[in-house]
N, C-alpha and C. Protein backbone atom coordinates (compact mmCIF):
# COMPACT_ATOMS: atom_id res chain seq x y z
N MET A 1 177.27 84.61 58.72
CA MET A 1 175.81 85.08 57.72
C MET A 1 174.25 84.51 58.33
N LYS A 2 174.77 83.43 57.63
CA LYS A 2 173.27 81.93 57.66
C LYS A 2 172.64 82.31 58.58
N ARG A 3 173.78 81.80 60.12
CA ARG A 3 173.53 81.66 61.17
C ARG A 3 172.87 82.79 62.17
N ARG A 4 173.29 84.09 61.50
CA ARG A 4 172.87 85.42 62.31
C ARG A 4 171.38 85.23 61.81
N TYR A 5 171.28 85.33 60.22
CA TYR A 5 169.89 85.20 60.00
C TYR A 5 168.81 84.47 60.39
N ALA A 6 169.22 83.09 60.96
CA ALA A 6 168.14 82.15 61.25
C ALA A 6 168.22 82.36 62.68
N SER A 7 169.00 83.06 63.21
CA SER A 7 168.83 83.40 64.75
C SER A 7 167.89 84.61 64.92
N GLY A 8 168.26 85.39 63.89
CA GLY A 8 166.85 86.64 63.56
C GLY A 8 165.78 86.30 63.33
N LEU A 9 165.53 84.84 62.26
CA LEU A 9 163.98 84.43 62.15
C LEU A 9 163.65 83.61 63.27
N SER A 10 164.56 83.14 64.11
CA SER A 10 164.12 82.47 65.21
C SER A 10 163.67 83.18 66.60
N ALA A 11 164.17 84.42 66.70
CA ALA A 11 163.74 85.26 67.69
C ALA A 11 162.43 86.04 67.38
N LEU A 12 162.11 86.05 65.81
CA LEU A 12 161.01 86.57 65.30
C LEU A 12 159.84 85.58 66.17
N THR A 13 160.21 84.49 65.53
CA THR A 13 159.19 83.35 65.52
C THR A 13 158.47 83.63 66.87
N PHE A 14 159.54 83.47 67.88
CA PHE A 14 159.38 83.50 69.27
C PHE A 14 158.44 84.73 69.75
N THR A 15 159.18 85.53 68.96
CA THR A 15 158.04 86.68 69.53
C THR A 15 156.68 86.91 69.08
N LEU A 16 156.56 86.64 67.87
CA LEU A 16 155.07 86.08 67.22
C LEU A 16 153.84 85.19 67.85
N LEU A 17 154.90 84.07 68.44
CA LEU A 17 154.32 82.89 69.21
C LEU A 17 153.63 83.80 70.53
N ALA A 18 154.59 84.31 71.34
CA ALA A 18 154.53 84.97 72.44
C ALA A 18 153.23 86.07 72.24
N ALA A 19 153.38 86.91 71.64
CA ALA A 19 152.34 87.43 71.14
C ALA A 19 150.61 86.83 71.21
N LEU A 20 151.16 85.70 70.64
CA LEU A 20 149.80 85.16 70.04
C LEU A 20 148.94 84.47 71.78
N SER A 21 150.21 83.98 72.23
CA SER A 21 149.98 82.95 73.30
C SER A 21 149.45 84.29 74.28
N ALA A 22 149.63 85.16 73.98
CA ALA A 22 149.16 86.67 75.20
C ALA A 22 147.84 86.79 74.49
N GLY A 23 147.47 86.83 73.59
CA GLY A 23 146.14 87.18 73.35
C GLY A 23 145.12 86.13 73.29
N LEU A 24 145.65 84.97 73.04
CA LEU A 24 144.56 83.86 73.60
C LEU A 24 143.46 83.90 74.67
N PRO A 25 144.17 83.78 75.66
CA PRO A 25 143.60 84.31 77.09
C PRO A 25 142.81 85.45 77.08
N LEU A 26 143.20 86.37 76.67
CA LEU A 26 142.38 87.16 76.41
C LEU A 26 141.20 86.85 75.67
N ALA A 27 141.36 86.62 74.50
CA ALA A 27 140.35 86.12 73.25
C ALA A 27 139.15 85.35 74.09
N ALA A 28 139.74 84.43 75.16
CA ALA A 28 139.15 83.09 75.76
C ALA A 28 138.04 83.98 76.64
N GLN A 29 138.74 84.84 77.57
CA GLN A 29 138.17 85.56 78.30
C GLN A 29 136.97 86.38 77.74
N ALA A 30 137.10 87.07 76.51
CA ALA A 30 136.55 87.43 76.23
C ALA A 30 135.24 87.08 75.84
N GLN A 31 134.82 85.58 75.26
CA GLN A 31 134.48 84.60 74.88
C GLN A 31 133.48 83.89 75.61
N SER A 32 134.20 83.40 76.78
CA SER A 32 133.72 83.35 78.47
C SER A 32 132.65 84.25 78.95
N ASP A 33 132.93 86.15 78.97
CA ASP A 33 132.18 86.51 79.67
C ASP A 33 131.08 86.75 78.54
N ALA A 34 130.86 86.85 77.52
CA ALA A 34 129.95 87.01 76.42
C ALA A 34 128.62 85.71 76.69
N VAL A 35 129.60 84.41 76.83
CA VAL A 35 128.39 83.27 77.10
C VAL A 35 128.02 83.38 78.75
N LYS A 36 129.11 83.61 79.53
CA LYS A 36 128.20 84.00 80.77
C LYS A 36 126.94 84.99 80.38
N GLU A 37 126.88 86.38 79.82
CA GLU A 37 126.35 86.95 79.83
C GLU A 37 124.76 86.62 78.97
N LEU A 38 125.10 85.42 78.30
CA LEU A 38 123.78 85.19 77.70
C LEU A 38 123.15 84.15 78.56
N ALA A 39 123.41 83.70 79.45
CA ALA A 39 123.61 82.55 79.91
C ALA A 39 122.66 83.39 80.93
N ALA A 40 122.94 84.25 81.83
CA ALA A 40 122.68 85.19 83.05
C ALA A 40 121.18 85.29 82.67
N PRO A 41 120.15 85.28 84.12
CA PRO A 41 119.29 85.26 83.75
C PRO A 41 119.26 87.02 83.59
N PRO A 42 117.83 87.45 82.91
CA PRO A 42 117.46 89.03 83.24
C PRO A 42 117.28 89.72 84.47
N PRO A 43 118.23 90.90 84.94
CA PRO A 43 117.93 91.31 85.28
C PRO A 43 115.86 91.59 86.62
N ILE A 44 116.18 91.34 87.45
CA ILE A 44 115.17 91.64 88.27
C ILE A 44 114.56 93.37 88.21
N GLN A 45 113.18 93.33 87.56
CA GLN A 45 112.53 94.90 87.60
C GLN A 45 111.94 94.95 88.51
N LEU A 46 112.35 96.02 89.72
CA LEU A 46 111.53 96.66 91.10
C LEU A 46 110.71 97.62 90.28
N PRO A 47 109.32 97.89 91.13
CA PRO A 47 109.05 96.87 92.10
C PRO A 47 108.36 95.41 91.17
N LEU A 48 108.25 94.82 91.91
CA LEU A 48 107.72 93.33 90.99
C LEU A 48 106.66 93.53 91.05
N LYS A 49 106.61 92.78 89.79
CA LYS A 49 104.85 92.80 89.44
C LYS A 49 104.21 91.03 89.11
N PRO A 50 103.41 91.42 89.14
CA PRO A 50 102.78 89.71 88.64
C PRO A 50 103.19 88.98 87.24
N SER A 51 103.84 87.77 87.77
CA SER A 51 104.21 87.08 87.25
C SER A 51 103.18 85.76 85.86
N PRO A 52 103.43 86.21 85.04
CA PRO A 52 102.91 85.10 84.31
C PRO A 52 102.59 84.07 84.34
N GLU A 53 104.06 83.95 85.17
CA GLU A 53 104.32 82.21 85.28
C GLU A 53 103.39 81.84 86.65
N PHE A 54 102.85 82.34 87.12
CA PHE A 54 102.39 82.01 88.33
C PHE A 54 100.44 82.66 88.04
N ALA A 55 99.99 83.28 87.12
CA ALA A 55 99.12 83.28 87.09
C ALA A 55 98.27 82.21 86.77
N ARG A 56 98.79 80.84 87.06
CA ARG A 56 97.86 79.45 86.61
C ARG A 56 97.89 78.98 87.85
N PHE A 57 98.26 79.06 88.45
CA PHE A 57 98.32 78.61 90.04
C PHE A 57 97.21 78.66 90.74
N PRO A 58 97.09 77.71 92.04
CA PRO A 58 96.26 78.06 92.30
C PRO A 58 95.67 79.02 93.02
N ARG A 59 94.71 79.72 93.67
CA ARG A 59 94.64 81.12 94.12
C ARG A 59 94.48 80.84 95.68
N TYR A 60 94.76 82.25 96.20
CA TYR A 60 93.97 82.00 98.12
C TYR A 60 93.78 83.18 98.05
N THR A 61 92.93 83.95 98.74
CA THR A 61 92.31 84.96 99.10
C THR A 61 92.15 84.89 100.65
N GLY A 62 92.50 86.03 101.42
CA GLY A 62 92.22 86.24 102.90
C GLY A 62 93.42 87.74 103.54
N THR A 63 93.57 86.97 104.89
CA THR A 63 94.18 88.25 105.08
C THR A 63 95.93 88.29 105.50
N LEU A 64 96.57 88.99 105.93
CA LEU A 64 98.00 88.39 106.19
C LEU A 64 97.88 89.48 107.19
N GLY A 65 98.20 89.35 108.50
CA GLY A 65 97.97 90.48 109.80
C GLY A 65 96.65 91.10 109.40
N LYS A 66 96.10 92.33 109.09
CA LYS A 66 95.35 93.18 109.13
C LYS A 66 94.95 94.05 107.62
N ARG A 67 95.99 93.31 106.53
CA ARG A 67 95.38 93.57 105.30
C ARG A 67 95.65 92.31 103.95
N ALA A 68 94.89 92.59 103.32
CA ALA A 68 93.87 91.63 102.44
C ALA A 68 95.16 91.28 101.39
N ILE A 69 95.36 89.97 101.10
CA ILE A 69 95.82 89.71 100.21
C ILE A 69 95.28 88.69 99.16
N VAL A 70 96.23 88.38 97.97
CA VAL A 70 95.92 87.40 97.21
C VAL A 70 97.32 86.34 96.98
N LEU A 71 97.50 85.04 97.18
CA LEU A 71 98.34 84.45 97.01
C LEU A 71 98.04 83.34 95.73
N ARG A 72 99.25 83.08 95.18
CA ARG A 72 99.06 82.28 93.94
C ARG A 72 100.64 80.91 93.98
N LEU A 73 99.64 79.83 94.48
CA LEU A 73 101.37 78.72 95.08
C LEU A 73 100.85 77.55 94.08
N GLY A 74 102.32 76.96 93.56
CA GLY A 74 101.80 76.16 92.58
C GLY A 74 102.94 75.18 93.15
N PRO A 75 103.24 74.17 92.58
CA PRO A 75 104.54 73.13 92.75
C PRO A 75 105.67 73.50 91.68
N LYS A 76 106.94 73.27 92.29
CA LYS A 76 108.20 73.56 91.23
C LYS A 76 108.15 72.47 90.24
N THR A 77 108.52 72.56 88.70
CA THR A 77 108.73 71.45 88.03
C THR A 77 110.06 70.46 88.45
N ASP A 78 111.09 70.93 89.44
CA ASP A 78 112.29 70.29 89.37
C ASP A 78 112.69 70.05 91.17
N ASP A 79 111.20 69.83 91.67
CA ASP A 79 111.67 69.31 93.28
C ASP A 79 110.06 69.13 93.57
N PRO A 80 110.02 67.48 93.72
CA PRO A 80 108.50 66.64 94.01
C PRO A 80 107.73 67.72 95.45
N SER A 81 108.65 68.30 96.20
CA SER A 81 108.14 68.72 97.54
C SER A 81 108.16 70.27 97.10
N GLY A 82 108.90 70.68 96.29
CA GLY A 82 109.29 72.03 96.23
C GLY A 82 107.65 73.16 96.04
N VAL A 83 107.54 74.15 96.21
CA VAL A 83 106.23 75.07 95.97
C VAL A 83 107.39 76.05 96.02
N HIS A 84 106.49 77.54 94.63
CA HIS A 84 106.65 78.51 95.01
C HIS A 84 105.55 79.50 94.20
N GLY A 85 105.91 80.93 94.29
CA GLY A 85 104.53 81.55 93.89
C GLY A 85 104.96 83.30 94.41
N GLU A 86 103.52 83.61 94.29
CA GLU A 86 103.79 84.93 94.85
C GLU A 86 102.35 85.65 95.75
N TYR A 87 102.79 86.41 96.75
CA TYR A 87 101.27 86.76 97.15
C TYR A 87 101.27 88.06 96.86
N GLN A 88 99.92 89.24 96.79
CA GLN A 88 99.96 90.66 96.41
C GLN A 88 99.04 91.42 97.10
N PHE A 89 99.28 92.24 97.73
CA PHE A 89 98.38 93.09 98.53
C PHE A 89 97.86 94.08 98.18
N THR A 90 96.04 93.71 98.21
CA THR A 90 95.51 94.39 97.33
C THR A 90 95.05 95.93 97.62
N ASP A 91 95.54 96.49 98.82
CA ASP A 91 95.72 97.78 98.72
C ASP A 91 96.80 98.91 97.97
N THR A 92 97.90 98.35 98.08
CA THR A 92 98.98 99.05 97.25
C THR A 92 99.59 98.33 96.12
N GLY A 93 99.18 96.97 95.80
CA GLY A 93 99.63 96.15 94.80
C GLY A 93 100.74 95.47 94.67
N GLU A 94 101.44 96.00 96.00
CA GLU A 94 102.73 95.35 96.01
C GLU A 94 102.88 93.98 96.40
N VAL A 95 103.51 93.14 95.35
CA VAL A 95 104.21 91.71 94.98
C VAL A 95 105.26 91.26 95.81
N ILE A 96 104.94 90.07 96.21
CA ILE A 96 106.16 89.44 97.30
C ILE A 96 106.44 87.79 96.90
N LEU A 97 107.45 87.59 96.23
CA LEU A 97 107.94 86.07 96.12
C LEU A 97 108.07 85.53 97.44
N ILE A 98 107.16 84.00 96.38
CA ILE A 98 107.76 83.06 97.77
C ILE A 98 108.11 81.70 97.28
N ALA A 99 108.94 81.18 98.16
CA ALA A 99 109.44 79.69 97.64
C ALA A 99 110.03 79.01 99.01
N GLY A 100 109.30 77.55 98.76
CA GLY A 100 109.75 76.80 99.94
C GLY A 100 109.45 75.40 99.62
N ASP A 101 108.89 75.00 100.41
CA ASP A 101 108.55 73.33 100.67
C ASP A 101 106.90 72.99 101.20
N ARG A 102 106.46 72.07 100.54
CA ARG A 102 105.61 71.84 101.58
C ARG A 102 105.57 69.71 101.21
N GLU A 103 105.30 69.40 102.49
CA GLU A 103 105.47 68.42 103.03
C GLU A 103 103.88 68.06 104.15
N GLY A 104 103.05 67.19 103.03
CA GLY A 104 101.70 66.89 103.52
C GLY A 104 100.88 67.94 103.90
N ASP A 105 100.52 68.21 104.87
CA ASP A 105 99.38 69.48 105.17
C ASP A 105 100.68 70.74 105.51
N THR A 106 101.65 70.84 105.88
CA THR A 106 102.42 71.86 106.41
C THR A 106 103.49 72.44 105.29
N LEU A 107 102.91 73.74 105.43
CA LEU A 107 103.61 74.58 104.27
C LEU A 107 104.90 75.37 104.97
N GLU A 108 106.34 75.60 104.61
CA GLU A 108 107.38 76.12 105.35
C GLU A 108 108.01 77.06 104.06
N VAL A 109 108.09 78.44 103.67
CA VAL A 109 108.49 78.85 102.72
C VAL A 109 108.76 80.24 103.05
N GLU A 110 109.89 81.12 101.99
CA GLU A 110 111.02 82.01 102.25
C GLU A 110 109.72 83.11 101.92
N GLU A 111 110.11 84.31 101.72
CA GLU A 111 109.48 85.55 101.07
C GLU A 111 110.78 86.41 100.89
N SER A 112 110.00 86.78 99.42
CA SER A 112 111.36 87.86 98.85
C SER A 112 110.71 88.66 98.34
N ASN A 113 111.20 90.26 98.66
CA ASN A 113 110.32 91.41 98.06
C ASN A 113 111.22 92.16 96.84
N ASP A 114 112.72 91.69 96.59
CA ASP A 114 112.98 92.02 95.50
C ASP A 114 113.52 90.71 94.46
N GLY A 115 113.45 89.62 94.90
CA GLY A 115 113.81 88.39 93.99
C GLY A 115 115.57 87.72 94.27
N THR A 116 115.96 88.84 95.45
CA THR A 116 117.64 88.29 96.55
C THR A 116 117.43 88.01 97.36
N HIS A 117 116.95 89.00 98.41
CA HIS A 117 117.00 89.00 99.73
C HIS A 117 115.91 88.45 100.31
N ILE A 118 115.98 87.47 101.36
CA ILE A 118 114.86 86.88 102.32
C ILE A 118 114.39 87.91 103.43
N THR A 119 113.12 88.11 102.90
CA THR A 119 112.50 89.41 104.21
C THR A 119 111.53 88.28 105.33
N GLY A 120 111.59 87.52 105.09
CA GLY A 120 110.30 86.73 106.30
C GLY A 120 110.25 85.10 105.75
N ASN A 121 109.13 84.40 106.41
CA ASN A 121 109.33 83.24 106.71
C ASN A 121 108.01 83.05 107.25
N TRP A 122 107.11 81.75 106.49
CA TRP A 122 105.73 81.24 106.66
C TRP A 122 106.00 79.79 106.94
N VAL A 123 105.30 79.77 108.01
CA VAL A 123 104.91 78.44 108.54
C VAL A 123 103.17 78.24 109.01
N GLY A 124 102.51 77.62 107.74
CA GLY A 124 101.48 77.25 107.85
C GLY A 124 101.41 75.58 107.88
N LYS A 125 99.55 75.42 107.51
CA LYS A 125 98.71 73.91 107.40
C LYS A 125 97.57 74.38 106.95
N PHE A 126 97.53 73.13 105.81
CA PHE A 126 96.37 72.95 105.06
C PHE A 126 95.70 72.32 105.70
N GLY A 127 93.94 73.27 106.42
CA GLY A 127 92.88 71.96 106.24
C GLY A 127 92.43 71.22 105.30
N PRO A 128 91.19 70.43 105.83
CA PRO A 128 90.94 69.65 104.92
C PRO A 128 90.19 70.30 103.99
N ASP A 129 89.49 71.32 103.95
CA ASP A 129 88.80 72.48 103.07
C ASP A 129 89.62 72.81 102.00
N GLY A 130 91.06 72.71 102.37
CA GLY A 130 92.05 73.68 101.41
C GLY A 130 92.48 75.22 102.07
N VAL A 131 91.84 75.54 103.39
CA VAL A 131 92.33 76.88 104.16
C VAL A 131 93.28 76.69 104.54
N LEU A 132 94.05 77.91 104.42
CA LEU A 132 95.85 77.45 104.77
C LEU A 132 95.91 78.65 105.75
N GLN A 133 96.55 78.28 106.97
CA GLN A 133 96.24 79.41 108.06
C GLN A 133 98.03 78.62 108.54
N GLY A 134 98.72 80.16 109.43
CA GLY A 134 99.58 80.12 109.76
C GLY A 134 100.47 81.30 110.27
N ASP A 135 101.62 81.48 110.42
CA ASP A 135 102.26 82.73 110.29
C ASP A 135 103.16 83.46 109.68
N ARG A 136 103.46 84.90 109.25
CA ARG A 136 104.26 84.72 108.52
C ARG A 136 105.23 85.90 109.29
N MET A 137 106.41 85.65 109.71
CA MET A 137 107.74 86.01 110.48
C MET A 137 108.61 86.94 110.07
N ASN A 138 109.30 87.39 110.14
CA ASN A 138 110.27 88.25 110.02
C ASN A 138 111.76 87.00 109.74
N VAL A 139 112.82 87.18 109.06
CA VAL A 139 114.65 86.75 109.11
C VAL A 139 114.23 86.26 110.41
N ASP A 140 114.32 86.79 111.62
CA ASP A 140 114.73 85.99 112.98
C ASP A 140 113.79 85.56 113.67
N ASP A 141 112.53 85.58 112.61
CA ASP A 141 111.44 84.69 113.43
C ASP A 141 110.49 85.71 114.54
N SER A 142 110.98 87.12 114.12
CA SER A 142 110.08 88.14 115.35
C SER A 142 109.10 88.38 114.47
N ASP A 143 108.24 88.93 115.56
CA ASP A 143 107.34 89.62 115.18
C ASP A 143 106.24 88.84 113.82
N PRO A 144 105.57 87.71 114.99
CA PRO A 144 104.34 87.04 113.94
C PRO A 144 103.24 87.26 113.67
N GLN A 145 102.98 87.55 112.84
CA GLN A 145 101.28 87.96 111.88
C GLN A 145 100.65 86.95 110.92
N PRO A 146 99.41 86.58 111.65
CA PRO A 146 98.88 85.57 111.48
C PRO A 146 98.08 85.77 109.81
N PHE A 147 98.30 85.16 109.17
CA PHE A 147 97.27 84.42 107.89
C PHE A 147 96.43 83.63 107.26
N ASP A 148 95.28 83.57 107.25
CA ASP A 148 93.85 83.37 106.99
C ASP A 148 93.68 83.45 105.26
N LEU A 149 94.08 82.30 105.03
CA LEU A 149 93.58 82.51 103.44
C LEU A 149 92.76 81.14 103.00
N HIS A 150 91.51 81.81 102.01
CA HIS A 150 90.70 80.19 101.59
C HIS A 150 91.20 80.10 99.91
N PRO A 151 91.19 78.97 99.71
CA PRO A 151 90.79 79.20 98.21
C PRO A 151 90.10 79.12 97.49
N LEU A 152 90.10 80.16 95.92
CA LEU A 152 89.37 80.30 95.00
C LEU A 152 88.98 79.21 94.24
N ALA A 153 87.66 79.22 94.26
CA ALA A 153 87.55 78.35 92.66
C ALA A 153 87.79 78.73 91.34
N ALA A 154 88.09 77.88 90.18
CA ALA A 154 88.12 78.20 89.29
C ALA A 154 87.46 79.05 88.53
N GLY A 155 87.88 80.41 87.89
CA GLY A 155 86.75 81.19 87.26
C GLY A 155 86.69 82.29 88.15
N GLN A 156 86.75 81.91 89.75
CA GLN A 156 85.82 83.10 90.24
C GLN A 156 86.88 83.96 90.41
N PRO A 157 86.51 85.09 90.31
CA PRO A 157 87.51 86.51 90.24
C PRO A 157 87.96 86.82 91.32
N SER A 158 89.18 87.43 91.29
CA SER A 158 90.28 87.80 92.72
C SER A 158 90.11 88.69 92.86
N PRO A 159 90.07 89.63 94.20
CA PRO A 159 89.45 90.80 94.90
C PRO A 159 90.68 91.69 94.11
N ALA A 160 89.94 92.95 93.81
CA ALA A 160 90.60 93.74 93.02
C ALA A 160 91.36 94.83 93.87
N VAL A 161 92.58 94.34 92.90
CA VAL A 161 93.83 95.48 93.37
C VAL A 161 93.89 96.80 93.45
N GLY A 162 94.41 97.40 94.41
CA GLY A 162 94.57 98.85 94.15
C GLY A 162 93.04 99.62 95.06
N ALA A 163 91.92 98.79 95.25
CA ALA A 163 90.99 99.54 95.38
C ALA A 163 90.55 100.52 96.51
N ARG A 164 90.19 101.42 96.78
CA ARG A 164 90.26 102.23 98.00
C ARG A 164 88.69 102.58 97.88
N PRO A 165 88.55 102.58 99.65
CA PRO A 165 86.83 103.22 99.94
C PRO A 165 86.40 104.58 99.39
N ALA A 166 85.38 104.29 98.84
CA ALA A 166 84.80 105.79 98.46
C ALA A 166 85.01 106.87 99.53
N ALA A 167 85.16 108.39 98.81
CA ALA A 167 85.58 109.65 100.08
C ALA A 167 84.49 109.69 100.30
N GLN A 168 84.70 110.37 102.05
CA GLN A 168 83.31 110.66 102.41
C GLN A 168 83.51 111.84 103.12
N GLY A 169 82.48 112.61 103.61
CA GLY A 169 82.82 114.11 104.00
C GLY A 169 83.31 114.07 105.31
N PRO A 170 83.81 115.38 106.29
CA PRO A 170 84.57 114.77 107.51
C PRO A 170 83.46 114.79 108.33
N GLY A 171 82.25 115.25 108.25
CA GLY A 171 81.03 114.91 108.91
C GLY A 171 80.58 113.38 109.25
N GLN A 172 80.60 112.82 107.69
CA GLN A 172 80.01 111.64 107.68
C GLN A 172 81.09 110.24 107.79
N ALA A 173 82.56 111.17 108.02
CA ALA A 173 83.11 110.00 108.42
C ALA A 173 83.51 109.98 110.34
N ALA A 174 82.99 111.41 110.68
CA ALA A 174 83.11 111.21 111.97
C ALA A 174 81.95 110.65 112.54
N VAL A 175 80.49 110.48 111.93
CA VAL A 175 79.70 109.94 112.82
C VAL A 175 79.80 108.04 112.39
N SER A 176 80.36 107.56 110.94
CA SER A 176 80.64 106.47 110.51
C SER A 176 81.57 105.60 111.43
N SER A 177 82.60 106.36 111.47
CA SER A 177 83.69 106.03 112.33
C SER A 177 83.53 105.79 114.32
N ARG A 178 82.37 106.58 114.56
CA ARG A 178 82.23 106.72 115.94
C ARG A 178 80.90 106.54 116.17
N PRO A 179 79.97 105.52 116.11
CA PRO A 179 78.56 104.95 116.57
C PRO A 179 78.46 105.74 117.78
N ASP A 180 79.02 105.99 118.39
CA ASP A 180 78.47 106.53 119.76
C ASP A 180 78.16 108.28 119.95
N ALA A 181 79.15 108.22 119.31
CA ALA A 181 79.12 110.05 118.53
C ALA A 181 77.41 110.18 118.00
N GLN A 182 77.19 109.00 117.01
CA GLN A 182 76.30 109.36 115.90
C GLN A 182 74.97 108.94 116.94
N ALA A 183 74.98 108.51 117.93
CA ALA A 183 73.75 108.26 118.57
C ALA A 183 73.31 109.56 119.77
N SER A 184 74.52 110.21 120.05
CA SER A 184 74.67 111.53 120.78
C SER A 184 74.25 112.43 119.91
N ALA A 185 74.82 112.43 118.33
CA ALA A 185 74.31 113.26 117.24
C ALA A 185 72.66 113.63 117.16
N SER A 186 72.16 112.22 117.31
CA SER A 186 70.45 112.20 116.93
C SER A 186 69.99 112.73 118.19
N ALA A 187 70.22 112.28 119.07
CA ALA A 187 69.75 112.59 120.48
C ALA A 187 69.66 114.49 120.83
N THR A 188 70.81 115.15 120.17
CA THR A 188 70.84 116.47 120.48
C THR A 188 70.67 117.12 119.48
N ALA A 189 70.39 116.62 117.93
CA ALA A 189 69.92 117.47 116.77
C ALA A 189 69.08 118.50 116.83
N PRO A 190 69.02 119.73 116.24
CA PRO A 190 68.02 120.64 116.89
C PRO A 190 66.82 120.45 115.41
N SER A 191 66.00 120.84 115.97
CA SER A 191 64.62 120.83 114.92
C SER A 191 64.91 121.34 113.60
N SER A 192 64.14 121.10 112.61
CA SER A 192 64.10 121.17 111.48
C SER A 192 63.93 123.07 111.09
N SER A 193 63.22 123.73 112.11
CA SER A 193 62.40 125.40 112.29
C SER A 193 63.85 125.72 112.68
N SER A 194 64.63 125.34 113.36
CA SER A 194 65.78 125.58 113.89
C SER A 194 67.11 125.64 113.31
N ALA A 195 66.88 124.51 112.43
CA ALA A 195 68.54 124.03 111.96
C ALA A 195 68.53 125.25 110.85
N SER A 196 67.93 125.61 110.35
CA SER A 196 68.26 126.67 109.26
C SER A 196 68.91 128.02 109.90
N SER A 197 68.32 128.22 110.75
CA SER A 197 69.45 129.51 111.38
C SER A 197 70.32 129.21 112.67
N ALA A 198 70.43 127.88 112.56
CA ALA A 198 71.69 128.03 113.88
C ALA A 198 72.79 127.86 113.15
N PRO A 199 74.16 128.03 113.51
CA PRO A 199 75.49 127.70 112.96
C PRO A 199 75.69 125.88 113.11
N VAL A 200 76.15 125.89 111.85
CA VAL A 200 76.48 123.97 112.29
C VAL A 200 78.30 124.14 112.56
N ALA A 201 78.42 123.39 113.56
CA ALA A 201 80.09 123.42 113.88
C ALA A 201 80.98 122.42 113.26
N ALA A 202 81.74 122.57 112.46
CA ALA A 202 82.43 121.39 112.15
C ALA A 202 82.97 120.53 112.51
N THR A 203 82.85 119.32 111.77
CA THR A 203 83.50 117.93 112.79
C THR A 203 84.76 117.55 111.40
N HIS A 204 85.43 116.74 112.35
CA HIS A 204 86.83 116.25 111.72
C HIS A 204 86.95 114.96 113.06
N ALA A 205 87.03 113.98 111.31
CA ALA A 205 87.33 112.53 111.89
C ALA A 205 89.26 112.15 112.66
N VAL A 206 89.23 111.72 113.28
CA VAL A 206 90.18 111.38 113.64
C VAL A 206 90.50 110.01 114.17
N GLY A 207 91.23 109.87 113.51
CA GLY A 207 91.65 107.79 113.06
C GLY A 207 92.93 107.22 112.15
N GLY A 208 93.27 106.52 112.33
CA GLY A 208 94.51 106.16 111.73
C GLY A 208 94.53 104.24 110.64
N VAL A 209 95.06 104.00 110.09
CA VAL A 209 95.14 102.76 109.16
C VAL A 209 96.36 102.43 109.89
N SER A 210 95.94 101.05 110.65
CA SER A 210 97.30 100.04 110.77
C SER A 210 97.46 98.78 109.64
N ASN A 211 98.96 99.45 109.62
CA ASN A 211 99.64 98.61 108.36
C ASN A 211 100.69 97.27 108.65
N LEU A 212 100.42 96.19 107.99
CA LEU A 212 101.73 95.41 108.08
C LEU A 212 103.23 95.92 107.39
N THR A 213 104.13 95.69 108.06
CA THR A 213 105.53 96.11 107.72
C THR A 213 106.16 94.93 107.18
N ILE A 214 106.56 94.34 106.03
CA ILE A 214 107.44 93.09 105.37
C ILE A 214 109.02 93.53 105.61
N GLY A 215 109.38 93.14 106.21
CA GLY A 215 110.97 93.26 105.98
C GLY A 215 111.62 94.60 106.17
N ASP A 216 112.64 94.71 105.83
CA ASP A 216 113.68 95.92 105.25
C ASP A 216 113.78 95.96 104.06
C-alpha cells in the first residue's frame, strides 16, 4: 500500500514537472518576443517625410535631372567616412533617403524611397567651392541623371516645396511658350477699330513636362 502510494506521488510529481518544463519555453519565448518588439525600431511611415534628425545638416540646392531638389547631407556618428541624409523634390515634396560614404572629395551613396529597398546610386565630387556634381543612376547603373547642387549658407532659406507656377489663360500660355508665335501674332494683329467687331479665335497651348522617374 505504501509502495503504491509512493509510486502515485512520483507519477504526479513527474507529471507536474513535465507540465512546468513544457510551459517554460513558451513563457521564455513570449518574453523574448516582447523584448524584440520593444527593441525593434518603429515602422517607417510612407510616404516619407523630412526627418528632424537631418534638419541640422548642411543643405544643398540645385537640380537632379530636370527637377529641383534640396539635399540635406551630414556625417554618421558611428562611421568616420559614413554620410547620410535625405533629398526632397521641390515640385512634389517627395522625400528620398540616402546613405553611403565620402572619401575626400568623392561621394558614393545609395538612395531609398521607402527606407528599405535601394532605388538608386549616386556618384559625385565636391568642388573647392563646395559644389556637388555627379550622376544619379538606377540600381543597375542605368539611366544616369546629372545632379548639380550648391551649398546654402547658414540662415539662407531653402526653396519653397510644392510651389506651382501661376496659372495662365490658354492664349497667354500659347504666346509665352512659343516666341515665334508671339512675333507672328504681333505682326498680324487687327487694328483697334476692327478688333471689337472681328471674332477672336480660341488658342490652346500644346506642351508637356519632363519628369524624372526615381526607381520602381
